[in-house]
Amino acid sequence: MFQKILVALDNSNMGNRVFDEAVTLAKATNASLMLLHVLTPFEDNYPTMPVAPGLDSYYPAMYGEAIEEYAKRWHQYEEHALDFLRNRAASALNEGVTAEFSQNVGDPGRAICSLAGTWSADLIVMGRRGRSGLSEFVLGSVSNYVLHHAPCSVFVVQGQADARPADTTEQEAIATPV
């Protein structure tokens, strides 16, 4: 059925769920995994440039130090994410699933679709945070982009949703027949 499954991951609870689903599916179909993490400015710990425009012309020494500091933070950020991928690949191997990994920089949706095409993936497994409305419009939806541009099938792991209305008490939820 599936031989090559691309798994789009980040270091979050949703990323954990996506990984678990992908490993379960790979074990069931005897598929191999490609674990992908995309370094993007929308991540919480993405390093920012610690200088203001024009600083280089007024304080060249300070600018050079700022660039060096940024390069150091970027390297740490990149290595931390690579360690995350190495650990995930080792976990998959412990489960009997062959896994390799790739780390890219840029737009996550485009990176996922591009790697799926070049790696000849049969399936992409990814998560969906559940944004909608204005937040989806402003922040975009990686899963929506991938669903419309992927060169293969896409399996989307839905974010956790509360099954009952906010004003329902726990007792009412238990007593209500389904």
Foldseek 3Di string as FASTA:
>chain_A
DFAEEEEEADPDPQRVVLLVVVLVVCVVVVHAYEYEYEDEPVDPLRQDQPDDPPCCVVPVVVNVVSVVVSVVSNVVVVVVVVVVVVVSQVVSVVVVHHYDYDYHYDDLLVVSQVCCVVVVGQEYGYEWADDDDPCCVVVPTSVVSNCVRHPHYYHYDYDDDDPDDPPDDPVNVVPDDD
